[in-house]
Amino acid sequence: MSETAARKVEVVTFGCRLNLVESEAMRRAAGAAAGGGDLVIVNPCAVTAEAGRQARQAIRRLRRERPEAEIVVTGCGVEIETARFADMPEVSRIVGNAAKTSPEAWAPEAAGLLRVGDVMSLRETAGHFLDGLDGHTRGFLQVQNGCDHRCTFCVIPFGRGPSRSAPLAQVVEEAKKLVAAGALEIVLTGVDLTSWGDDLPGSPRLGRLVQTLLKHVPDLPRLRLSSIDCIEADAALFEAMAGERRLMPHLHLSLQAGDDMILKRMKRRHMRADAVRLCADLRAARPEIVFGADLIAGFPTETEAMFQNTLTLVEECGLTHLHVFPFSPRPGTPAAKMPQVGRDAVKERAKRLRAAGAEALQRHLRAQVGKRLSALTERGGVARAEDFTLVKTPGVEAGRLIEVDVTGVEGEALIARSCHAFPHAEERP
């Protein structure tokens, strides 16, 4: 919870990293608005029906615990399920995605339900591309929003609107501000990050953005990418990942499945071979790279043989950090009308997929024992290695670049025996 003037503002966030970034922007906007009282902003996710259910459950609990608070719901959840959230007696009002980072939306005079806007008409490229600085350690820089694709299982384009990009010069300036504020790592975020630039003059690609940032922000120690679409990884991005040590060797891939027929029914734009080839090529160019992935278990029409193609993709691509989603139909999507897989089978396949991911992660962790890694410390006595592996660093303050000697594995993290001050930039290899 944060407090600005007499107004208490708390933001409860569900879902993706982008939601976390925007929640920070909303907290700032609400704190800057005039007025007092207890304000709770709920920013739900709309990816799955379960995400919406969890958000509504949290809202009911918040009302019981905070009977006098103003509870405002915003984000993708209210764009997709407007009536469902607006009709909740616990909700004071809702705010659409187009207005949520504006101080005016959080002013007391904005009473009643604010109309949810037509997100498909949004064209702004700057308004909410705001930074979020996490404890002067990691800066999140939103450079893209919306999506022009129509995967058959996804409602996000209808919650976020069309793809639009922050101009290159603006991104560079925001990155410089983050570094000046103390960020030792910047994470580029977006709904469909690899579509950055499609709507800008000349249609630049993400690789150009990455190379320009690294060139014009020389004091930035580490640059990281959030989730990308493997089919849209351009040559310049590949070149940067292969040759630029400040670009972190970790990519989270939006793969969703490993079977070609399921990928076609999902209306994805890549085939299984594309994913395998990308991972192999990048690993050959930069052997220490680590891959994570989003995978869906039990997509409509998926047979056991099709599922096995997804399961074996974990090993073939060398995936280490998995986000596994048991398929749940979203009303209004084409996938909801397809022949469904039984719920027990969906859950069982998700369990097997998670088990494969857990085994892959343990293999990766064990392989790090005995190595010396550079890591960026966070709050809570932990740090992140360059490949995003979690390292336990008790007693070390947040916001430091250090080197650690890895001595063992504990759960899903590495144990470091000793820590060293990271060499100055001119001393790094």
Protein backbone atom coordinates (compact mmCIF):
# COMPACT_ATOMS: atom_id res chain seq x y z
CA MET A 1 0.00 0.00 0.00
CA SER A 2 1.19 3.54 -0.69
CA GLU A 3 0.08 6.84 0.74
CA THR A 4 0.08 10.22 -0.95
CA ALA A 5 -1.18 13.25 0.99
CA ALA A 6 -4.35 12.23 2.86
CA ARG A 7 -5.36 9.61 0.35
CA LYS A 8 -4.54 5.96 0.82
CA VAL A 9 -4.11 4.12 -2.48
CA GLU A 10 -3.70 0.38 -2.86
CA VAL A 11 -3.54 -1.47 -6.16
CA VAL A 12 -4.36 -5.18 -6.33
CA THR A 13 -2.96 -6.68 -9.52
CA PHE A 14 -3.61 -9.94 -11.33
CA GLY A 15 -1.91 -11.36 -14.40
CA CYS A 16 1.04 -10.36 -16.53
CA ARG A 17 4.09 -8.20 -15.94
CA LEU A 18 2.53 -5.52 -18.12
CA ASN A 19 -0.36 -5.32 -15.66
CA LEU A 20 2.18 -4.75 -12.88
CA VAL A 21 3.76 -1.88 -14.81
CA GLU A 22 0.41 -0.26 -15.49
CA SER A 23 -0.67 -0.75 -11.89
CA GLU A 24 2.28 1.37 -10.81
CA ALA A 25 1.24 4.05 -13.30
CA MET A 26 -2.31 3.95 -11.90
CA ARG A 27 -1.05 4.18 -8.33
CA ARG A 28 0.87 7.33 -9.26
CA ALA A 29 -2.08 8.82 -11.14
CA ALA A 30 -4.52 8.12 -8.31
CA GLY A 31 -2.07 9.48 -5.76
CA ALA A 32 -1.74 12.69 -7.79
CA ALA A 33 -5.52 13.19 -7.96
CA ALA A 34 -7.08 15.45 -5.38
CA GLY A 35 -9.17 13.96 -2.61
CA GLY A 36 -8.92 11.76 0.45
CA GLY A 37 -10.32 8.50 1.64
CA ASP A 38 -9.36 4.89 1.17
CA LEU A 39 -9.07 3.87 -2.49
CA VAL A 40 -8.49 0.31 -3.66
CA ILE A 41 -7.86 -0.22 -7.37
CA VAL A 42 -8.33 -3.76 -8.67
CA ASN A 43 -6.57 -4.52 -11.96
CA PRO A 44 -7.77 -7.98 -13.09
CA CYS A 45 -6.46 -10.19 -15.86
CA ALA A 46 -8.71 -11.41 -18.68
CA VAL A 47 -6.58 -14.20 -20.14
CA THR A 48 -8.66 -17.01 -18.61
CA ALA A 49 -12.09 -17.37 -17.04
CA GLU A 50 -10.33 -18.52 -13.87
CA ALA A 51 -8.44 -15.22 -13.70
CA GLY A 52 -11.74 -13.33 -13.71
CA ARG A 53 -13.17 -15.59 -11.03
CA GLN A 54 -10.16 -15.00 -8.78
CA ALA A 55 -10.47 -11.25 -9.24
CA ARG A 56 -14.15 -11.24 -8.26
CA GLN A 57 -13.39 -13.39 -5.23
CA ALA A 58 -10.70 -10.89 -4.19
CA ILE A 59 -13.12 -7.98 -4.61
CA ARG A 60 -15.66 -9.61 -2.29
CA ARG A 61 -12.96 -10.23 0.29
CA LEU A 62 -11.72 -6.64 0.02
CA ARG A 63 -15.23 -5.31 0.64
CA ARG A 64 -15.56 -7.43 3.78
CA GLU A 65 -12.19 -6.26 5.06
CA ARG A 66 -12.52 -2.61 3.95
CA PRO A 67 -16.21 -1.67 4.20
CA GLU A 68 -15.52 2.06 3.86
CA ALA A 69 -13.11 1.87 0.93
CA GLU A 70 -13.88 2.97 -2.61
CA ILE A 71 -13.21 -0.11 -4.76
CA VAL A 72 -12.58 0.68 -8.41
CA VAL A 73 -12.05 -2.04 -11.02
CA THR A 74 -10.19 -1.37 -14.24
CA GLY A 75 -8.02 -2.98 -16.92
CA CYS A 76 -8.63 -5.82 -19.33
CA GLY A 77 -11.11 -7.49 -17.00
CA VAL A 78 -13.68 -4.70 -17.25
CA GLU A 79 -13.23 -4.40 -21.02
CA ILE A 80 -14.03 -8.10 -21.49
CA GLU A 81 -16.55 -8.61 -18.66
CA THR A 82 -17.94 -5.10 -18.22
CA ALA A 83 -21.39 -5.99 -16.89
CA ARG A 84 -20.13 -8.73 -14.63
CA PHE A 85 -17.82 -6.37 -12.72
CA ALA A 86 -20.12 -3.33 -12.90
CA ASP A 87 -23.01 -5.29 -11.42
CA MET A 88 -21.06 -6.40 -8.36
CA PRO A 89 -22.46 -4.59 -5.29
CA GLU A 90 -18.96 -4.48 -3.84
CA VAL A 91 -17.66 -2.34 -6.74
CA SER A 92 -17.90 1.44 -6.43
CA ARG A 93 -17.20 2.10 -10.10
CA ILE A 94 -15.22 0.87 -13.10
CA VAL A 95 -12.65 2.63 -15.28
CA GLY A 96 -11.86 1.60 -18.86
CA ASN A 97 -8.39 0.86 -20.18
CA ALA A 98 -8.24 4.11 -22.14
CA ALA A 99 -8.59 6.26 -19.00
CA LYS A 100 -6.95 4.23 -16.27
CA THR A 101 -3.60 6.06 -16.12
CA SER A 102 -5.16 9.53 -16.18
CA PRO A 103 -5.39 11.39 -12.82
CA GLU A 104 -8.84 12.66 -13.85
CA ALA A 105 -10.19 9.11 -13.77
CA TRP A 106 -9.35 8.82 -10.08
CA ALA A 107 -10.68 12.20 -8.93
CA PRO A 108 -13.62 12.10 -6.48
CA GLU A 109 -15.82 14.00 -8.91
CA ALA A 110 -15.54 11.12 -11.38
CA ALA A 111 -18.43 9.48 -9.58
CA GLY A 112 -20.63 6.70 -10.86
CA LEU A 113 -19.56 4.22 -13.49
CA LEU A 114 -17.14 5.59 -16.04
CA ARG A 115 -18.05 4.36 -19.49
CA VAL A 116 -15.73 1.68 -20.80
CA GLY A 117 -14.25 3.05 -23.99
CA ASP A 118 -13.99 1.51 -27.43
CA VAL A 119 -10.47 0.13 -27.11
CA MET A 120 -10.41 -0.81 -30.79
CA SER A 121 -10.30 2.91 -31.63
CA LEU A 122 -7.24 3.64 -29.46
CA ARG A 123 -4.33 5.10 -31.39
CA GLU A 124 -2.17 6.82 -28.76
CA THR A 125 1.51 5.91 -28.68
CA ALA A 126 2.71 7.75 -25.60
CA GLY A 127 0.11 8.34 -22.90
CA HIS A 128 0.64 5.30 -20.71
CA PHE A 129 4.05 4.12 -21.86
CA LEU A 130 5.27 4.90 -18.38
CA ASP A 131 8.15 3.49 -16.42
CA GLY A 132 7.86 1.42 -13.31
CA LEU A 133 10.94 1.32 -11.10
CA ASP A 134 11.09 -1.58 -8.69
CA GLY A 135 13.16 -0.60 -5.66
CA HIS A 136 15.81 1.12 -7.83
CA THR A 137 16.77 -2.33 -9.12
CA ARG A 138 14.81 -3.13 -12.26
CA GLY A 139 12.99 -0.69 -14.52
CA PHE A 140 10.01 -1.82 -16.60
CA LEU A 141 9.56 0.09 -19.82
CA GLN A 142 6.34 -0.44 -21.73
CA VAL A 143 7.07 0.16 -25.40
CA GLN A 144 4.03 -1.46 -27.02
CA ASN A 145 0.37 -2.14 -26.28
CA GLY A 146 -2.49 -3.97 -27.98
CA CYS A 147 -2.47 -6.78 -30.52
CA ASP A 148 -3.50 -7.13 -34.16
CA HIS A 149 -3.52 -10.93 -34.17
CA ARG A 150 -6.57 -13.10 -33.59
CA CYS A 151 -5.52 -16.32 -31.91
CA THR A 152 -8.66 -18.40 -31.52
CA PHE A 153 -8.34 -18.78 -27.74
CA CYS A 154 -7.51 -15.17 -26.87
CA VAL A 155 -9.63 -12.18 -25.84
CA ILE A 156 -6.74 -9.82 -25.12
CA PRO A 157 -7.02 -7.84 -28.41
CA PHE A 158 -10.56 -6.89 -27.34
CA GLY A 159 -9.31 -5.73 -23.96
CA ARG A 160 -6.22 -3.91 -25.20
CA GLY A 161 -7.14 -2.71 -28.67
CA PRO A 162 -4.92 -2.59 -31.76
CA SER A 163 -1.14 -2.75 -31.64
CA ARG A 164 0.55 0.61 -31.16
CA SER A 165 4.17 1.44 -30.45
CA ALA A 166 6.07 4.06 -28.49
CA PRO A 167 8.37 6.04 -30.81
CA LEU A 168 12.03 5.06 -30.75
CA ALA A 169 13.28 8.44 -29.51
CA GLN A 170 10.79 8.41 -26.65
CA VAL A 171 11.85 4.92 -25.58
CA VAL A 172 15.51 5.99 -25.51
CA GLU A 173 14.67 9.04 -23.38
CA GLU A 174 12.59 7.00 -20.93
CA ALA A 175 15.40 4.47 -20.66
CA LYS A 176 17.87 7.24 -19.84
CA LYS A 177 15.54 8.48 -17.09
CA LEU A 178 15.32 5.00 -15.60
CA VAL A 179 19.10 4.63 -15.55
CA ALA A 180 19.46 8.08 -13.99
CA ALA A 181 16.95 7.01 -11.32
CA GLY A 182 19.10 4.02 -10.43
CA ALA A 183 17.86 1.16 -12.63
CA LEU A 184 20.55 -1.46 -13.21
CA GLU A 185 18.33 -3.43 -15.56
CA ILE A 186 15.54 -2.43 -17.93
CA VAL A 187 12.88 -4.88 -19.04
CA LEU A 188 11.08 -4.05 -22.29
CA THR A 189 7.41 -5.01 -22.02
CA GLY A 190 4.39 -5.10 -24.28
CA VAL A 191 1.32 -7.14 -25.12
CA ASP A 192 2.89 -8.29 -28.39
CA LEU A 193 6.43 -7.02 -28.01
CA THR A 194 7.78 -8.29 -31.33
CA SER A 195 5.15 -6.27 -33.20
CA TRP A 196 6.80 -3.08 -31.94
CA GLY A 197 7.35 -0.67 -34.81
CA ASP A 198 4.74 -2.00 -37.25
CA ASP A 199 2.70 1.19 -36.89
CA LEU A 200 5.67 3.59 -36.90
CA PRO A 201 7.16 5.32 -39.98
CA GLY A 202 9.41 2.91 -41.84
CA SER A 203 8.11 -0.03 -39.77
CA PRO A 204 11.26 -0.59 -37.71
CA ARG A 205 11.61 -3.95 -35.95
CA LEU A 206 12.29 -4.85 -32.33
CA GLY A 207 15.92 -5.66 -33.09
CA ARG A 208 16.53 -2.07 -34.13
CA LEU A 209 14.97 -0.82 -30.90
CA VAL A 210 17.22 -3.10 -28.85
CA GLN A 211 20.39 -2.13 -30.73
CA THR A 212 19.56 1.59 -30.52
CA LEU A 213 18.90 1.39 -26.78
CA LEU A 214 22.19 -0.38 -26.12
CA LYS A 215 24.07 2.17 -28.23
CA HIS A 216 22.49 5.34 -26.86
CA VAL A 217 22.16 4.29 -23.21
CA PRO A 218 25.74 3.13 -22.59
CA ASP A 219 25.40 3.32 -18.80
CA LEU A 220 22.67 0.66 -18.76
CA PRO A 221 24.26 -2.55 -17.41
CA ARG A 222 21.49 -4.97 -18.38
CA LEU A 223 18.64 -5.03 -20.89
CA ARG A 224 16.03 -7.79 -20.83
CA LEU A 225 13.06 -8.67 -23.03
CA SER A 226 9.70 -9.90 -21.78
CA SER A 227 7.69 -12.49 -23.73
CA ILE A 228 8.22 -12.54 -27.51
CA ASP A 229 6.65 -14.31 -30.46
CA CYS A 230 9.26 -16.65 -31.93
CA ILE A 231 8.14 -16.19 -35.54
CA GLU A 232 8.74 -12.42 -35.33
CA ALA A 233 12.34 -12.53 -34.05
CA ASP A 234 14.10 -10.44 -36.72
CA ALA A 235 17.71 -10.63 -37.87
CA ALA A 236 18.81 -7.57 -35.90
CA LEU A 237 17.35 -9.02 -32.70
CA PHE A 238 19.19 -12.28 -33.34
CA GLU A 239 22.39 -10.33 -33.96
CA ALA A 240 21.98 -8.40 -30.70
CA MET A 241 21.27 -11.54 -28.68
CA ALA A 242 24.29 -13.29 -30.18
CA GLY A 243 26.79 -10.46 -29.78
CA GLU A 244 25.72 -7.97 -27.11
CA ARG A 245 26.57 -9.09 -23.58
CA ARG A 246 24.36 -6.43 -21.99
CA LEU A 247 21.30 -8.05 -23.59
CA MET A 248 20.41 -10.79 -21.12
CA PRO A 249 20.56 -14.40 -22.38
CA HIS A 250 16.96 -15.23 -21.52
CA LEU A 251 13.89 -15.27 -23.75
CA HIS A 252 10.34 -16.19 -22.80
CA LEU A 253 8.61 -17.50 -25.90
CA SER A 254 4.90 -17.44 -26.69
CA LEU A 255 4.75 -21.00 -28.09
CA GLN A 256 1.37 -22.26 -26.77
CA ALA A 257 1.67 -25.74 -28.34
CA GLY A 258 4.06 -28.14 -30.04
CA ASP A 259 1.69 -29.81 -32.49
CA ASP A 260 1.22 -28.32 -35.96
CA MET A 261 -2.48 -29.09 -36.23
CA ILE A 262 -3.20 -27.53 -32.84
CA LEU A 263 -1.10 -24.50 -33.75
CA LYS A 264 -3.18 -24.08 -36.92
CA ARG A 265 -6.42 -24.36 -34.94
CA MET A 266 -5.07 -21.80 -32.50
CA LYS A 267 -4.39 -19.56 -35.54
CA ARG A 268 -0.79 -19.16 -34.49
CA ARG A 269 1.68 -17.95 -37.09
CA HIS A 270 4.47 -20.47 -36.47
CA MET A 271 4.88 -24.21 -36.76
CA ARG A 272 6.69 -26.56 -34.41
CA ALA A 273 9.81 -26.59 -36.59
CA ASP A 274 10.05 -22.78 -36.39
CA ALA A 275 10.26 -22.91 -32.59
CA VAL A 276 12.81 -25.72 -32.55
CA ARG A 277 14.96 -23.99 -35.17
CA LEU A 278 14.93 -20.62 -33.38
CA CYS A 279 16.01 -22.16 -30.08
CA ALA A 280 18.74 -24.22 -31.75
CA ASP A 281 20.09 -21.26 -33.73
CA LEU A 282 20.14 -18.93 -30.75
CA ARG A 283 21.75 -21.55 -28.51
CA ALA A 284 24.45 -22.12 -31.12
CA ALA A 285 25.12 -18.37 -31.26
CA ARG A 286 24.95 -17.89 -27.48
CA PRO A 287 25.31 -21.19 -25.60
CA GLU A 288 24.31 -19.84 -22.17
CA ILE A 289 20.87 -18.67 -23.33
CA VAL A 290 17.87 -19.97 -21.39
CA PHE A 291 14.33 -20.24 -22.75
CA GLY A 292 10.99 -20.04 -21.00
CA ALA A 293 7.63 -20.55 -22.70
CA ASP A 294 3.87 -20.25 -22.41
CA LEU A 295 2.15 -23.57 -23.16
CA ILE A 296 -1.54 -24.52 -23.19
CA ALA A 297 -2.64 -28.01 -22.17
CA GLY A 298 -5.86 -29.52 -23.45
CA PHE A 299 -6.71 -27.17 -26.31
CA PRO A 300 -9.93 -28.21 -28.09
CA THR A 301 -9.53 -31.30 -30.32
CA GLU A 302 -6.14 -32.10 -28.76
CA THR A 303 -5.51 -35.85 -28.76
CA GLU A 304 -2.97 -37.63 -26.57
CA ALA A 305 -0.61 -37.86 -29.55
CA MET A 306 -0.94 -34.11 -30.16
CA PHE A 307 -0.28 -33.43 -26.49
CA GLN A 308 2.85 -35.59 -26.66
CA ASN A 309 4.18 -33.26 -29.36
CA THR A 310 3.85 -30.38 -26.90
CA LEU A 311 5.34 -32.41 -24.07
CA THR A 312 8.42 -33.36 -26.08
CA LEU A 313 8.87 -29.74 -27.18
CA VAL A 314 10.13 -28.99 -23.66
CA GLU A 315 13.21 -31.12 -24.31
CA GLU A 316 13.62 -30.37 -28.01
CA CYS A 317 13.65 -26.61 -27.41
CA GLY A 318 15.49 -26.90 -24.12
CA LEU A 319 12.79 -25.00 -22.24
CA THR A 320 13.56 -24.23 -18.60
CA HIS A 321 10.92 -21.87 -17.21
CA LEU A 322 7.36 -22.91 -18.16
CA HIS A 323 4.07 -21.08 -17.73
CA VAL A 324 1.47 -23.82 -18.18
CA PHE A 325 -2.19 -22.94 -18.75
CA PRO A 326 -4.91 -25.59 -18.61
CA PHE A 327 -7.23 -24.59 -21.43
CA SER A 328 -10.44 -22.90 -20.35
CA PRO A 329 -12.88 -21.58 -22.98
CA ARG A 330 -13.49 -17.85 -23.12
CA PRO A 331 -17.00 -16.95 -24.32
CA GLY A 332 -16.97 -15.25 -27.70
CA THR A 333 -13.74 -16.84 -28.91
CA PRO A 334 -13.65 -19.36 -31.79
CA ALA A 335 -11.94 -21.92 -29.57
CA ALA A 336 -14.92 -21.92 -27.21
CA LYS A 337 -17.05 -23.35 -30.05
CA MET A 338 -14.61 -26.15 -30.91
CA PRO A 339 -14.98 -29.72 -29.54
CA GLN A 340 -13.68 -29.52 -25.97
CA VAL A 341 -11.30 -31.90 -24.22
CA GLY A 342 -12.65 -33.34 -20.96
CA ARG A 343 -11.71 -31.33 -17.87
CA ASP A 344 -10.04 -34.28 -16.17
CA ALA A 345 -7.84 -34.84 -19.22
CA VAL A 346 -7.00 -31.13 -19.40
CA LYS A 347 -5.91 -31.06 -15.75
CA GLU A 348 -3.93 -34.28 -16.09
CA ARG A 349 -2.06 -33.03 -19.15
CA ALA A 350 -1.30 -29.72 -17.46
CA LYS A 351 0.09 -31.66 -14.50
CA ARG A 352 2.38 -33.70 -16.76
CA LEU A 353 3.53 -30.59 -18.58
CA ARG A 354 4.34 -28.83 -15.32
CA ALA A 355 6.23 -31.92 -14.14
CA ALA A 356 8.34 -31.86 -17.31
CA GLY A 357 9.04 -28.19 -16.75
CA ALA A 358 10.00 -28.76 -13.11
CA GLU A 359 12.40 -31.54 -14.14
CA ALA A 360 13.95 -29.31 -16.83
CA LEU A 361 14.41 -26.50 -14.32
CA GLN A 362 16.13 -28.82 -11.85
CA ARG A 363 18.53 -30.01 -14.56
CA HIS A 364 19.35 -26.40 -15.35
CA LEU A 365 19.88 -25.50 -11.70
CA ARG A 366 22.16 -28.46 -11.06
CA ALA A 367 24.24 -27.49 -14.09
CA GLN A 368 24.97 -24.09 -12.50
CA VAL A 369 26.58 -25.53 -9.35
CA GLY A 370 30.25 -24.62 -9.22
CA LYS A 371 29.89 -21.65 -11.56
CA ARG A 372 30.42 -17.97 -10.82
CA LEU A 373 27.47 -15.91 -12.03
CA SER A 374 26.64 -12.23 -12.14
CA ALA A 375 23.33 -11.40 -10.49
CA LEU A 376 21.14 -8.43 -9.71
CA THR A 377 19.84 -8.42 -6.15
CA GLU A 378 16.18 -7.84 -5.35
CA ARG A 379 14.22 -7.39 -2.15
CA GLY A 380 13.70 -10.47 -0.03
CA GLY A 381 17.25 -11.76 -0.10
CA VAL A 382 17.18 -13.02 -3.68
CA ALA A 383 18.79 -12.09 -6.97
CA ARG A 384 18.38 -12.85 -10.65
CA ALA A 385 21.23 -14.22 -12.72
CA GLU A 386 21.64 -13.02 -16.27
CA ASP A 387 19.58 -15.98 -17.52
CA PHE A 388 16.83 -15.08 -15.01
CA THR A 389 17.65 -17.96 -12.67
CA LEU A 390 16.68 -17.20 -9.08
CA VAL A 391 19.60 -17.04 -6.63
CA LYS A 392 19.25 -16.84 -2.86
CA THR A 393 21.41 -14.03 -1.48
CA PRO A 394 20.36 -13.51 2.16
CA GLY A 395 21.80 -10.46 3.84
CA VAL A 396 22.64 -8.64 0.62
CA GLU A 397 20.79 -5.38 0.03
CA ALA A 398 18.59 -4.94 -3.02
CA GLY A 399 19.78 -3.04 -6.05
CA ARG A 400 23.32 -4.35 -6.39
CA LEU A 401 25.09 -6.08 -9.24
CA ILE A 402 27.17 -8.83 -7.66
CA GLU A 403 29.01 -12.01 -8.54
CA VAL A 404 28.03 -15.21 -6.78
CA ASP A 405 29.69 -18.59 -6.40
CA VAL A 406 26.98 -21.22 -6.75
CA THR A 407 27.28 -24.08 -4.28
CA GLY A 408 23.94 -25.84 -4.45
CA VAL A 409 20.24 -25.92 -5.21
CA GLU A 410 17.34 -25.28 -2.87
CA GLY A 411 13.87 -25.73 -4.33
CA GLU A 412 13.66 -23.64 -7.50
CA ALA A 413 16.64 -21.43 -6.64
CA LEU A 414 20.40 -21.54 -6.49
CA ILE A 415 22.38 -21.20 -3.25
CA ALA A 416 25.37 -18.86 -3.31
CA ARG A 417 28.21 -19.37 -0.86
CA SER A 418 29.91 -16.00 -1.34
CA CYS A 419 29.26 -12.70 -3.03
CA HIS A 420 31.64 -10.26 -4.66
CA ALA A 421 31.22 -6.71 -5.84
CA PHE A 422 30.60 -6.75 -9.57
CA PRO A 423 33.53 -5.37 -11.60
CA HIS A 424 33.22 -1.86 -12.96
CA ALA A 425 31.92 -1.61 -16.48
CA GLU A 426 35.39 -1.03 -17.94
CA GLU A 427 36.63 -4.22 -16.25
CA ARG A 428 33.93 -6.52 -17.58
CA PRO A 429 34.90 -8.98 -20.29
